[in-house]
Amino acid sequence: NNKAEIKKCRKTRSSPLIIACQKGHTEEGHTEVGQILINNKSDIN
């Protein structure tokens, strides 16, 4: 909501969406986080 750069990656090019997908169900909230990122035009591929 405050304009964080949604496509900003780690040096390995891991994006916020990739890390949310990697963590998955190991902790609560990751599926919802993934959907929020996609809704805000994170590059799904």
PDB file of all heavy atoms in Angstrom:
ATOM      1  N   ASN A   1       0.826  -1.220   0.000  1.00  0.00           N
ATOM      2  CA  ASN A   1       0.000   0.000   0.000  1.00  0.00           C
ATOM      3  C   ASN A   1       0.853   1.260   0.000  1.00  0.00           C
ATOM      4  O   ASN A   1       0.415   2.309  -0.458  1.00  0.00           O
ATOM      5  CB  ASN A   1      -0.933   0.024   1.210  1.00  0.00           C
ATOM      6  CG  ASN A   1      -2.027  -1.030   1.133  1.00  0.00           C
ATOM      7  OD1 ASN A   1      -2.270  -1.603   0.077  1.00  0.00           O
ATOM      8  ND2 ASN A   1      -2.684  -1.296   2.251  1.00  0.00           N
ATOM      9  N   ASN A   2       2.075   1.128   0.517  1.00  0.00           N
ATOM     10  CA  ASN A   2       2.980   2.282   0.580  1.00  0.00           C
ATOM     11  C   ASN A   2       4.078   2.211  -0.481  1.00  0.00           C
ATOM     12  O   ASN A   2       5.164   2.769  -0.323  1.00  0.00           O
ATOM     13  CB  ASN A   2       3.578   2.378   1.984  1.00  0.00           C
ATOM     14  CG  ASN A   2       2.593   2.915   2.989  1.00  0.00           C
ATOM     15  OD1 ASN A   2       2.428   4.129   3.134  1.00  0.00           O
ATOM     16  ND2 ASN A   2       1.897   2.010   3.690  1.00  0.00           N
ATOM     17  N   LYS A   3       3.755   1.475  -1.577  1.00  0.00           N
ATOM     18  CA  LYS A   3       4.588   1.473  -2.790  1.00  0.00           C
ATOM     19  C   LYS A   3       5.932   0.782  -2.630  1.00  0.00           C
ATOM     20  O   LYS A   3       6.938   1.221  -3.203  1.00  0.00           O
ATOM     21  CB  LYS A   3       4.759   2.907  -3.322  1.00  0.00           C
ATOM     22  CG  LYS A   3       3.426   3.569  -3.664  1.00  0.00           C
ATOM     23  CD  LYS A   3       3.595   4.962  -4.226  1.00  0.00           C
ATOM     24  CE  LYS A   3       2.226   5.585  -4.538  1.00  0.00           C
ATOM     25  NZ  LYS A   3       2.342   6.962  -5.059  1.00  0.00           N
ATOM     26  N   ALA A   4       5.948  -0.289  -1.857  1.00  0.00           N
ATOM     27  CA  ALA A   4       7.153  -1.119  -1.835  1.00  0.00           C
ATOM     28  C   ALA A   4       7.348  -1.711  -3.228  1.00  0.00           C
ATOM     29  O   ALA A   4       6.384  -2.024  -3.927  1.00  0.00           O
ATOM     30  CB  ALA A   4       7.008  -2.240  -0.809  1.00  0.00           C
ATOM     31  N   GLU A   5       8.599  -1.874  -3.612  1.00  0.00           N
ATOM     32  CA  GLU A   5       8.912  -2.403  -4.946  1.00  0.00           C
ATOM     33  C   GLU A   5       8.658  -3.909  -4.954  1.00  0.00           C
ATOM     34  O   GLU A   5       9.433  -4.682  -4.397  1.00  0.00           O
ATOM     35  CB  GLU A   5      10.369  -2.090  -5.306  1.00  0.00           C
ATOM     36  CG  GLU A   5      10.677  -2.328  -6.769  1.00  0.00           C
ATOM     37  CD  GLU A   5      12.082  -1.905  -7.146  1.00  0.00           C
ATOM     38  OE1 GLU A   5      12.628  -0.980  -6.501  1.00  0.00           O
ATOM     39  OE2 GLU A   5      12.639  -2.518  -8.077  1.00  0.00           O
ATOM     40  N   ILE A   6       7.585  -4.321  -5.606  1.00  0.00           N
ATOM     41  CA  ILE A   6       7.097  -5.697  -5.521  1.00  0.00           C
ATOM     42  C   ILE A   6       7.964  -6.683  -6.303  1.00  0.00           C
ATOM     43  O   ILE A   6       7.975  -7.876  -6.019  1.00  0.00           O
ATOM     44  CB  ILE A   6       5.622  -5.762  -5.985  1.00  0.00           C
ATOM     45  CG1 ILE A   6       4.908  -6.972  -5.374  1.00  0.00           C
ATOM     46  CG2 ILE A   6       5.517  -5.740  -7.491  1.00  0.00           C
ATOM     47  CD1 ILE A   6       3.412  -6.893  -5.455  1.00  0.00           C
ATOM     48  N   LYS A   7       8.732  -6.181  -7.264  1.00  0.00           N
ATOM     49  CA  LYS A   7       9.568  -7.062  -8.090  1.00  0.00           C
ATOM     50  C   LYS A   7      11.027  -7.064  -7.649  1.00  0.00           C
ATOM     51  O   LYS A   7      11.885  -7.671  -8.281  1.00  0.00           O
ATOM     52  CB  LYS A   7       9.461  -6.644  -9.550  1.00  0.00           C
ATOM     53  CG  LYS A   7       8.054  -6.816 -10.123  1.00  0.00           C
ATOM     54  CD  LYS A   7       7.958  -6.369 -11.556  1.00  0.00           C
ATOM     55  CE  LYS A   7       6.531  -6.513 -12.085  1.00  0.00           C
ATOM     56  NZ  LYS A   7       6.407  -6.034 -13.476  1.00  0.00           N
ATOM     57  N   LYS A   8      11.305  -6.386  -6.542  1.00  0.00           N
ATOM     58  CA  LYS A   8      12.691  -6.290  -6.067  1.00  0.00           C
ATOM     59  C   LYS A   8      13.154  -7.656  -5.545  1.00  0.00           C
ATOM     60  O   LYS A   8      12.510  -8.245  -4.688  1.00  0.00           O
ATOM     61  CB  LYS A   8      12.800  -5.248  -4.963  1.00  0.00           C
ATOM     62  CG  LYS A   8      14.228  -4.766  -4.714  1.00  0.00           C
ATOM     63  CD  LYS A   8      14.225  -3.582  -3.765  1.00  0.00           C
ATOM     64  CE  LYS A   8      15.603  -2.980  -3.607  1.00  0.00           C
ATOM     65  NZ  LYS A   8      16.054  -2.273  -4.808  1.00  0.00           N
ATOM     66  N   CYS A   9      14.273  -8.136  -6.057  1.00  0.00           N
ATOM     67  CA  CYS A   9      14.736  -9.499  -5.762  1.00  0.00           C
ATOM     68  C   CYS A   9      16.015  -9.509  -4.934  1.00  0.00           C
ATOM     69  O   CYS A   9      16.728  -8.515  -4.858  1.00  0.00           O
ATOM     70  CB  CYS A   9      15.017 -10.249  -7.068  1.00  0.00           C
ATOM     71  SG  CYS A   9      13.578 -10.465  -8.121  1.00  0.00           S
ATOM     72  N   ARG A  10      16.272 -10.677  -4.341  1.00  0.00           N
ATOM     73  CA  ARG A  10      17.575 -10.922  -3.716  1.00  0.00           C
ATOM     74  C   ARG A  10      18.625 -11.056  -4.806  1.00  0.00           C
ATOM     75  O   ARG A  10      18.319 -11.087  -5.991  1.00  0.00           O
ATOM     76  CB  ARG A  10      17.536 -12.208  -2.893  1.00  0.00           C
ATOM     77  CG  ARG A  10      16.745 -12.096  -1.624  1.00  0.00           C
ATOM     78  CD  ARG A  10      16.950 -13.322  -0.776  1.00  0.00           C
ATOM     79  NE  ARG A  10      18.234 -13.308  -0.109  1.00  0.00           N
ATOM     80  CZ  ARG A  10      18.787 -14.340   0.500  1.00  0.00           C
ATOM     81  NH1 ARG A  10      18.172 -15.507   0.517  1.00  0.00           N
ATOM     82  NH2 ARG A  10      19.952 -14.242   1.101  1.00  0.00           N
ATOM     83  N   LYS A  11      19.890 -11.182  -4.403  1.00  0.00           N
ATOM     84  CA  LYS A  11      20.968 -11.311  -5.385  1.00  0.00           C
ATOM     85  C   LYS A  11      20.835 -12.586  -6.210  1.00  0.00           C
ATOM     86  O   LYS A  11      21.375 -12.690  -7.302  1.00  0.00           O
ATOM     87  CB  LYS A  11      22.323 -11.258  -4.682  1.00  0.00           C
ATOM     88  CG  LYS A  11      22.639  -9.865  -4.143  1.00  0.00           C
ATOM     89  CD  LYS A  11      23.984  -9.792  -3.456  1.00  0.00           C
ATOM     90  CE  LYS A  11      24.257  -8.381  -2.956  1.00  0.00           C
ATOM     91  NZ  LYS A  11      25.549  -8.276  -2.238  1.00  0.00           N
ATOM     92  N   THR A  12      20.124 -13.577  -5.679  1.00  0.00           N
ATOM     93  CA  THR A  12      19.877 -14.827  -6.413  1.00  0.00           C
ATOM     94  C   THR A  12      18.698 -14.686  -7.372  1.00  0.00           C
ATOM     95  O   THR A  12      18.329 -15.659  -8.017  1.00  0.00           O
ATOM     96  CB  THR A  12      19.564 -15.971  -5.436  1.00  0.00           C
ATOM     97  OG1 THR A  12      18.423 -15.603  -4.659  1.00  0.00           O
ATOM     98  CG2 THR A  12      20.740 -16.263  -4.529  1.00  0.00           C
ATOM     99  N   ARG A  13      18.111 -13.509  -7.433  1.00  0.00           N
ATOM    100  CA  ARG A  13      16.918 -13.204  -8.223  1.00  0.00           C
ATOM    101  C   ARG A  13      15.668 -13.852  -7.647  1.00  0.00           C
ATOM    102  O   ARG A  13      14.653 -13.981  -8.338  1.00  0.00           O
ATOM    103  CB  ARG A  13      17.111 -13.592  -9.698  1.00  0.00           C
ATOM    104  CG  ARG A  13      18.011 -12.635 -10.472  1.00  0.00           C
ATOM    105  CD  ARG A  13      18.152 -13.043 -11.914  1.00  0.00           C
ATOM    106  NE  ARG A  13      16.872 -13.041 -12.605  1.00  0.00           N
ATOM    107  CZ  ARG A  13      16.641 -13.722 -13.734  1.00  0.00           C
ATOM    108  NH1 ARG A  13      17.574 -14.473 -14.261  1.00  0.00           N
ATOM    109  NH2 ARG A  13      15.465 -13.649 -14.313  1.00  0.00           N
ATOM    110  N   SER A  14      15.718 -14.252  -6.383  1.00  0.00           N
ATOM    111  CA  SER A  14      14.505 -14.732  -5.720  1.00  0.00           C
ATOM    112  C   SER A  14      13.603 -13.541  -5.433  1.00  0.00           C
ATOM    113  O   SER A  14      13.989 -12.634  -4.711  1.00  0.00           O
ATOM    114  CB  SER A  14      14.855 -15.439  -4.401  1.00  0.00           C
ATOM    115  OG  SER A  14      15.482 -16.667  -4.654  1.00  0.00           O
ATOM    116  N   SER A  15      12.404 -13.575  -5.982  1.00  0.00           N
ATOM    117  CA  SER A  15      11.448 -12.489  -5.778  1.00  0.00           C
ATOM    118  C   SER A  15      10.619 -12.740  -4.517  1.00  0.00           C
ATOM    119  O   SER A  15      10.612 -13.854  -3.992  1.00  0.00           O
ATOM    120  CB  SER A  15      10.510 -12.401  -6.988  1.00  0.00           C
ATOM    121  OG  SER A  15       9.709 -13.578  -7.060  1.00  0.00           O
ATOM    122  N   PRO A  16       9.912 -11.723  -4.021  1.00  0.00           N
ATOM    123  CA  PRO A  16       8.987 -11.950  -2.901  1.00  0.00           C
ATOM    124  C   PRO A  16       7.985 -13.072  -3.185  1.00  0.00           C
ATOM    125  O   PRO A  16       7.671 -13.866  -2.313  1.00  0.00           O
ATOM    126  CB  PRO A  16       8.287 -10.594  -2.754  1.00  0.00           C
ATOM    127  CG  PRO A  16       9.318  -9.600  -3.199  1.00  0.00           C
ATOM    128  CD  PRO A  16      10.011 -10.278  -4.347  1.00  0.00           C
ATOM    129  N   LEU A  17       7.507 -13.163  -4.447  1.00  0.00           N
ATOM    130  CA  LEU A  17       6.549 -14.222  -4.787  1.00  0.00           C
ATOM    131  C   LEU A  17       7.202 -15.597  -4.708  1.00  0.00           C
ATOM    132  O   LEU A  17       6.605 -16.554  -4.200  1.00  0.00           O
ATOM    133  CB  LEU A  17       5.966 -13.988  -6.181  1.00  0.00           C
ATOM    134  CG  LEU A  17       4.947 -15.032  -6.662  1.00  0.00           C
ATOM    135  CD1 LEU A  17       3.768 -15.137  -5.691  1.00  0.00           C
ATOM    136  CD2 LEU A  17       4.457 -14.718  -8.070  1.00  0.00           C
ATOM    137  N   ILE A  18       8.423 -15.716  -5.192  1.00  0.00           N
ATOM    138  CA  ILE A  18       9.117 -17.007  -5.146  1.00  0.00           C
ATOM    139  C   ILE A  18       9.301 -17.468  -3.707  1.00  0.00           C
ATOM    140  O   ILE A  18       9.067 -18.638  -3.385  1.00  0.00           O
ATOM    141  CB  ILE A  18      10.476 -16.933  -5.876  1.00  0.00           C
ATOM    142  CG1 ILE A  18      10.255 -17.069  -7.389  1.00  0.00           C
ATOM    143  CG2 ILE A  18      11.429 -18.032  -5.396  1.00  0.00           C
ATOM    144  CD1 ILE A  18      11.508 -17.023  -8.230  1.00  0.00           C
ATOM    145  N   ILE A  19       9.678 -16.566  -2.813  1.00  0.00           N
ATOM    146  CA  ILE A  19       9.909 -16.989  -1.426  1.00  0.00           C
ATOM    147  C   ILE A  19       8.596 -17.347  -0.743  1.00  0.00           C
ATOM    148  O   ILE A  19       8.551 -18.278   0.074  1.00  0.00           O
ATOM    149  CB  ILE A  19      10.699 -15.928  -0.614  1.00  0.00           C
ATOM    150  CG1 ILE A  19      11.337 -16.575   0.616  1.00  0.00           C
ATOM    151  CG2 ILE A  19       9.851 -14.744  -0.222  1.00  0.00           C
ATOM    152  CD1 ILE A  19      12.322 -17.684   0.326  1.00  0.00           C
ATOM    153  N   ALA A  20       7.502 -16.673  -1.079  1.00  0.00           N
ATOM    154  CA  ALA A  20       6.194 -17.030  -0.520  1.00  0.00           C
ATOM    155  C   ALA A  20       5.780 -18.423  -0.990  1.00  0.00           C
ATOM    156  O   ALA A  20       5.242 -19.222  -0.216  1.00  0.00           O
ATOM    157  CB  ALA A  20       5.142 -16.001  -0.927  1.00  0.00           C
ATOM    158  N   CYS A  21       6.055 -18.736  -2.253  1.00  0.00           N
ATOM    159  CA  CYS A  21       5.727 -20.062  -2.806  1.00  0.00           C
ATOM    160  C   CYS A  21       6.629 -21.143  -2.214  1.00  0.00           C
ATOM    161  O   CYS A  21       6.198 -22.269  -1.982  1.00  0.00           O
ATOM    162  CB  CYS A  21       5.870 -20.049  -4.325  1.00  0.00           C
ATOM    163  SG  CYS A  21       4.650 -19.008  -5.157  1.00  0.00           S
ATOM    164  N   GLN A  22       7.876 -20.794  -1.964  1.00  0.00           N
ATOM    165  CA  GLN A  22       8.822 -21.757  -1.388  1.00  0.00           C
ATOM    166  C   GLN A  22       8.436 -22.129   0.039  1.00  0.00           C
ATOM    167  O   GLN A  22       8.511 -23.288   0.429  1.00  0.00           O
ATOM    168  CB  GLN A  22      10.231 -21.168  -1.408  1.00  0.00           C
ATOM    169  CG  GLN A  22      11.295 -22.118  -0.876  1.00  0.00           C
ATOM    170  CD  GLN A  22      12.685 -21.530  -1.007  1.00  0.00           C
ATOM    171  OE1 GLN A  22      13.001 -20.825  -1.965  1.00  0.00           O
ATOM    172  NE2 GLN A  22      13.540 -21.802  -0.043  1.00  0.00           N
ATOM    173  N   LYS A  23       7.994 -21.143   0.815  1.00  0.00           N
ATOM    174  CA  LYS A  23       7.637 -21.407   2.213  1.00  0.00           C
ATOM    175  C   LYS A  23       6.304 -22.144   2.315  1.00  0.00           C
ATOM    176  O   LYS A  23       6.110 -22.962   3.209  1.00  0.00           O
ATOM    177  CB  LYS A  23       7.564 -20.095   3.006  1.00  0.00           C
ATOM    178  CG  LYS A  23       8.886 -19.367   3.139  1.00  0.00           C
ATOM    179  CD  LYS A  23       9.916 -20.156   3.911  1.00  0.00           C
ATOM    180  CE  LYS A  23       9.652 -20.160   5.386  1.00  0.00           C
ATOM    181  NZ  LYS A  23      10.704 -20.856   6.145  1.00  0.00           N
ATOM    182  N   GLY A  24       5.378 -21.828   1.394  1.00  0.00           N
ATOM    183  CA  GLY A  24       4.115 -22.550   1.310  1.00  0.00           C
ATOM    184  C   GLY A  24       3.414 -22.726   2.629  1.00  0.00           C
ATOM    185  O   GLY A  24       3.118 -21.765   3.323  1.00  0.00           O
ATOM    186  N   HIS A  25       3.134 -24.000   3.014  1.00  0.00           N
ATOM    187  CA  HIS A  25       2.359 -24.251   4.215  1.00  0.00           C
ATOM    188  C   HIS A  25       3.225 -24.497   5.440  1.00  0.00           C
ATOM    189  O   HIS A  25       2.745 -24.927   6.471  1.00  0.00           O
ATOM    190  CB  HIS A  25       1.421 -25.450   3.999  1.00  0.00           C
ATOM    191  CG  HIS A  25       2.130 -26.711   3.603  1.00  0.00           C
ATOM    192  ND1 HIS A  25       1.874 -27.354   2.427  1.00  0.00           N
ATOM    193  CD2 HIS A  25       3.096 -27.436   4.223  1.00  0.00           C
ATOM    194  CE1 HIS A  25       2.631 -28.434   2.325  1.00  0.00           C
ATOM    195  NE2 HIS A  25       3.376 -28.503   3.402  1.00  0.00           N
ATOM    196  N   THR A  26       4.541 -24.243   5.343  1.00  0.00           N
ATOM    197  CA  THR A  26       5.393 -24.484   6.509  1.00  0.00           C
ATOM    198  C   THR A  26       5.092 -23.495   7.623  1.00  0.00           C
ATOM    199  O   THR A  26       5.354 -23.752   8.780  1.00  0.00           O
ATOM    200  CB  THR A  26       6.889 -24.384   6.136  1.00  0.00           C
ATOM    201  OG1 THR A  26       7.145 -23.108   5.540  1.00  0.00           O
ATOM    202  CG2 THR A  26       7.261 -25.479   5.151  1.00  0.00           C
ATOM    203  N   GLU A  27       4.585 -22.330   7.261  1.00  0.00           N
ATOM    204  CA  GLU A  27       4.145 -21.342   8.237  1.00  0.00           C
ATOM    205  C   GLU A  27       2.841 -20.738   7.721  1.00  0.00           C
ATOM    206  O   GLU A  27       2.587 -20.717   6.522  1.00  0.00           O
ATOM    207  CB  GLU A  27       5.198 -20.237   8.423  1.00  0.00           C
ATOM    208  CG  GLU A  27       6.504 -20.736   9.036  1.00  0.00           C
ATOM    209  CD  GLU A  27       7.550 -19.627   9.106  1.00  0.00           C
ATOM    210  OE1 GLU A  27       7.188 -18.479   9.343  1.00  0.00           O
ATOM    211  OE2 GLU A  27       8.726 -19.947   8.918  1.00  0.00           O
ATOM    212  N   GLU A  28       2.020 -20.234   8.603  1.00  0.00           N
ATOM    213  CA  GLU A  28       0.732 -19.681   8.193  1.00  0.00           C
ATOM    214  C   GLU A  28       0.913 -18.423   7.353  1.00  0.00           C
ATOM    215  O   GLU A  28       1.848 -17.666   7.531  1.00  0.00           O
ATOM    216  CB  GLU A  28      -0.107 -19.346   9.431  1.00  0.00           C
ATOM    217  CG  GLU A  28      -0.530 -20.583  10.224  1.00  0.00           C
ATOM    218  CD  GLU A  28      -1.386 -20.227  11.419  1.00  0.00           C
ATOM    219  OE1 GLU A  28      -1.671 -19.030  11.601  1.00  0.00           O
ATOM    220  OE2 GLU A  28      -1.748 -21.149  12.172  1.00  0.00           O
ATOM    221  N   GLY A  29      -0.013 -18.214   6.432  1.00  0.00           N
ATOM    222  CA  GLY A  29      -0.090 -16.933   5.729  1.00  0.00           C
ATOM    223  C   GLY A  29       0.528 -16.895   4.349  1.00  0.00           C
ATOM    224  O   GLY A  29       0.293 -15.955   3.612  1.00  0.00           O
ATOM    225  N   HIS A  30       1.301 -17.920   3.943  1.00  0.00           N
ATOM    226  CA  HIS A  30       2.050 -17.788   2.705  1.00  0.00           C
ATOM    227  C   HIS A  30       1.185 -17.853   1.448  1.00  0.00           C
ATOM    228  O   HIS A  30       1.481 -17.182   0.463  1.00  0.00           O
ATOM    229  CB  HIS A  30       3.172 -18.826   2.662  1.00  0.00           C
ATOM    230  CG  HIS A  30       4.263 -18.533   3.640  1.00  0.00           C
ATOM    231  ND1 HIS A  30       4.251 -19.029   4.916  1.00  0.00           N
ATOM    232  CD2 HIS A  30       5.367 -17.760   3.544  1.00  0.00           C
ATOM    233  CE1 HIS A  30       5.314 -18.585   5.565  1.00  0.00           C
ATOM    234  NE2 HIS A  30       6.000 -17.818   4.758  1.00  0.00           N
ATOM    235  N   THR A  31       0.134 -18.671   1.462  1.00  0.00           N
ATOM    236  CA  THR A  31      -0.762 -18.720   0.302  1.00  0.00           C
ATOM    237  C   THR A  31      -1.450 -17.376   0.122  1.00  0.00           C
ATOM    238  O   THR A  31      -1.553 -16.856  -0.993  1.00  0.00           O
ATOM    239  CB  THR A  31      -1.822 -19.833   0.472  1.00  0.00           C
ATOM    240  OG1 THR A  31      -1.151 -21.060   0.749  1.00  0.00           O
ATOM    241  CG2 THR A  31      -2.653 -19.978  -0.782  1.00  0.00           C
ATOM    242  N   GLU A  32      -1.892 -16.795   1.222  1.00  0.00           N
ATOM    243  CA  GLU A  32      -2.536 -15.475   1.175  1.00  0.00           C
ATOM    244  C   GLU A  32      -1.554 -14.404   0.717  1.00  0.00           C
ATOM    245  O   GLU A  32      -1.904 -13.529  -0.082  1.00  0.00           O
ATOM    246  CB  GLU A  32      -3.087 -15.120   2.564  1.00  0.00           C
ATOM    247  CG  GLU A  32      -3.981 -13.895   2.568  1.00  0.00           C
ATOM    248  CD  GLU A  32      -4.593 -13.614   3.932  1.00  0.00           C
ATOM    249  OE1 GLU A  32      -4.500 -14.480   4.828  1.00  0.00           O
ATOM    250  OE2 GLU A  32      -5.155 -12.526   4.095  1.00  0.00           O
ATOM    251  N   VAL A  33      -0.322 -14.496   1.189  1.00  0.00           N
ATOM    252  CA  VAL A  33       0.718 -13.551   0.765  1.00  0.00           C
ATOM    253  C   VAL A  33       0.936 -13.656  -0.741  1.00  0.00           C
ATOM    254  O   VAL A  33       1.027 -12.644  -1.448  1.00  0.00           O
ATOM    255  CB  VAL A  33       2.048 -13.815   1.521  1.00  0.00           C
ATOM    256  CG1 VAL A  33       3.210 -13.098   0.845  1.00  0.00           C
ATOM    257  CG2 VAL A  33       1.933 -13.376   2.967  1.00  0.00           C
ATOM    258  N   GLY A  34       1.011 -14.894  -1.237  1.00  0.00           N
ATOM    259  CA  GLY A  34       1.193 -15.103  -2.673  1.00  0.00           C
ATOM    260  C   GLY A  34       0.085 -14.458  -3.483  1.00  0.00           C
ATOM    261  O   GLY A  34       0.337 -13.810  -4.507  1.00  0.00           O
ATOM    262  N   GLN A  35      -1.164 -14.610  -3.028  1.00  0.00           N
ATOM    263  CA  GLN A  35      -2.292 -14.026  -3.751  1.00  0.00           C
ATOM    264  C   GLN A  35      -2.247 -12.507  -3.719  1.00  0.00           C
ATOM    265  O   GLN A  35      -2.557 -11.851  -4.724  1.00  0.00           O
ATOM    266  CB  GLN A  35      -3.610 -14.522  -3.161  1.00  0.00           C
ATOM    267  CG  GLN A  35      -4.825 -14.183  -4.015  1.00  0.00           C
ATOM    268  CD  GLN A  35      -4.767 -14.794  -5.400  1.00  0.00           C
ATOM    269  OE1 GLN A  35      -4.758 -16.002  -5.554  1.00  0.00           O
ATOM    270  NE2 GLN A  35      -4.708 -13.951  -6.427  1.00  0.00           N
ATOM    271  N   ILE A  36      -1.850 -11.940  -2.581  1.00  0.00           N
ATOM    272  CA  ILE A  36      -1.711 -10.476  -2.487  1.00  0.00           C
ATOM    273  C   ILE A  36      -0.694  -9.976  -3.506  1.00  0.00           C
ATOM    274  O   ILE A  36      -0.924  -8.989  -4.209  1.00  0.00           O
ATOM    275  CB  ILE A  36      -1.278 -10.055  -1.059  1.00  0.00           C
ATOM    276  CG1 ILE A  36      -2.414 -10.271  -0.057  1.00  0.00           C
ATOM    277  CG2 ILE A  36      -0.851  -8.584  -1.031  1.00  0.00           C
ATOM    278  CD1 ILE A  36      -1.982 -10.137   1.395  1.00  0.00           C
ATOM    279  N   LEU A  37       0.430 -10.661  -3.610  1.00  0.00           N
ATOM    280  CA  LEU A  37       1.481 -10.255  -4.553  1.00  0.00           C
ATOM    281  C   LEU A  37       0.998 -10.351  -5.994  1.00  0.00           C
ATOM    282  O   LEU A  37       1.233  -9.451  -6.809  1.00  0.00           O
ATOM    283  CB  LEU A  37       2.721 -11.137  -4.351  1.00  0.00           C
ATOM    284  CG  LEU A  37       3.455 -10.963  -3.015  1.00  0.00           C
ATOM    285  CD1 LEU A  37       4.454 -12.089  -2.796  1.00  0.00           C
ATOM    286  CD2 LEU A  37       4.166  -9.610  -2.956  1.00  0.00           C
ATOM    287  N   ILE A  38       0.301 -11.438  -6.318  1.00  0.00           N
ATOM    288  CA  ILE A  38      -0.231 -11.617  -7.674  1.00  0.00           C
ATOM    289  C   ILE A  38      -1.269 -10.541  -7.986  1.00  0.00           C
ATOM    290  O   ILE A  38      -1.277  -9.968  -9.081  1.00  0.00           O
ATOM    291  CB  ILE A  38      -0.841 -13.029  -7.830  1.00  0.00           C
ATOM    292  CG1 ILE A  38       0.271 -14.091  -7.798  1.00  0.00           C
ATOM    293  CG2 ILE A  38      -1.634 -13.138  -9.130  1.00  0.00           C
ATOM    294  CD1 ILE A  38      -0.224 -15.502  -7.644  1.00  0.00           C
ATOM    295  N   ASN A  39      -2.135 -10.243  -7.021  1.00  0.00           N
ATOM    296  CA  ASN A  39      -3.162  -9.205  -7.205  1.00  0.00           C
ATOM    297  C   ASN A  39      -2.533  -7.838  -7.479  1.00  0.00           C
ATOM    298  O   ASN A  39      -3.157  -6.975  -8.095  1.00  0.00           O
ATOM    299  CB  ASN A  39      -4.062  -9.107  -5.977  1.00  0.00           C
ATOM    300  CG  ASN A  39      -4.959 -10.324  -5.810  1.00  0.00           C
ATOM    301  OD1 ASN A  39      -5.103 -11.130  -6.718  1.00  0.00           O
ATOM    302  ND2 ASN A  39      -5.544 -10.476  -4.631  1.00  0.00           N
ATOM    303  N   ASN A  40      -1.308  -7.670  -7.007  1.00  0.00           N
ATOM    304  CA  ASN A  40      -0.600  -6.393  -7.195  1.00  0.00           C
ATOM    305  C   ASN A  40       0.464  -6.466  -8.288  1.00  0.00           C
ATOM    306  O   ASN A  40       1.453  -5.748  -8.273  1.00  0.00           O
ATOM    307  CB  ASN A  40       0.008  -5.946  -5.863  1.00  0.00           C
ATOM    308  CG  ASN A  40      -1.034  -5.402  -4.910  1.00  0.00           C
ATOM    309  OD1 ASN A  40      -1.385  -4.226  -4.960  1.00  0.00           O
ATOM    310  ND2 ASN A  40      -1.558  -6.277  -4.039  1.00  0.00           N
ATOM    311  N   LYS A  41       0.229  -7.392  -9.235  1.00  0.00           N
ATOM    312  CA  LYS A  41       1.005  -7.464 -10.476  1.00  0.00           C
ATOM    313  C   LYS A  41       2.428  -7.947 -10.298  1.00  0.00           C
ATOM    314  O   LYS A  41       3.337  -7.552 -11.039  1.00  0.00           O
ATOM    315  CB  LYS A  41       0.966  -6.111 -11.205  1.00  0.00           C
ATOM    316  CG  LYS A  41      -0.448  -5.669 -11.563  1.00  0.00           C
ATOM    317  CD  LYS A  41      -0.487  -4.373 -12.329  1.00  0.00           C
ATOM    318  CE  LYS A  41      -1.920  -3.969 -12.651  1.00  0.00           C
ATOM    319  NZ  LYS A  41      -1.988  -2.681 -13.374  1.00  0.00           N
ATOM    320  N   SER A  42       2.640  -8.832  -9.331  1.00  0.00           N
ATOM    321  CA  SER A  42       3.925  -9.516  -9.266  1.00  0.00           C
ATOM    322  C   SER A  42       4.039 -10.429 -10.475  1.00  0.00           C
ATOM    323  O   SER A  42       3.051 -11.018 -10.910  1.00  0.00           O
ATOM    324  CB  SER A  42       4.019 -10.335  -7.975  1.00  0.00           C
ATOM    325  OG  SER A  42       5.256 -10.984  -7.889  1.00  0.00           O
ATOM    326  N   ASP A  43       5.235 -10.546 -11.040  1.00  0.00           N
ATOM    327  CA  ASP A  43       5.455 -11.381 -12.225  1.00  0.00           C
ATOM    328  C   ASP A  43       5.361 -12.850 -11.815  1.00  0.00           C
ATOM    329  O   ASP A  43       6.255 -13.389 -11.161  1.00  0.00           O
ATOM    330  CB  ASP A  43       6.830 -11.071 -12.832  1.00  0.00           C
ATOM    331  CG  ASP A  43       7.066 -11.780 -14.154  1.00  0.00           C
ATOM    332  OD1 ASP A  43       6.327 -12.747 -14.455  1.00  0.00           O
ATOM    333  OD2 ASP A  43       7.997 -11.401 -14.877  1.00  0.00           O
ATOM    334  N   ILE A  44       4.295 -13.518 -12.222  1.00  0.00           N
ATOM    335  CA  ILE A  44       4.009 -14.881 -11.775  1.00  0.00           C
ATOM    336  C   ILE A  44       4.976 -15.907 -12.366  1.00  0.00           C
ATOM    337  O   ILE A  44       5.110 -17.017 -11.843  1.00  0.00           O
ATOM    338  CB  ILE A  44       2.542 -15.247 -12.106  1.00  0.00           C
ATOM    339  CG1 ILE A  44       2.046 -16.401 -11.225  1.00  0.00           C
ATOM    340  CG2 ILE A  44       2.377 -15.549 -13.584  1.00  0.00           C
ATOM    341  CD1 ILE A  44       0.553 -16.613 -11.272  1.00  0.00           C
ATOM    342  N   ASN A  45       5.677 -15.541 -13.426  1.00  0.00           N
ATOM    343  CA  ASN A  45       6.611 -16.470 -14.063  1.00  0.00           C
ATOM    344  C   ASN A  45       8.082 -16.066 -13.914  1.00  0.00           C
ATOM    345  O   ASN A  45       8.957 -16.675 -14.524  1.00  0.00           O
ATOM    346  CB  ASN A  45       6.260 -16.607 -15.558  1.00  0.00           C
ATOM    347  CG  ASN A  45       4.906 -17.259 -15.770  1.00  0.00           C
ATOM    348  OD1 ASN A  45       4.610 -18.293 -15.189  1.00  0.00           O
ATOM    349  ND2 ASN A  45       4.060 -16.633 -16.583  1.00  0.00           N
TER     350      ASN A  45
END
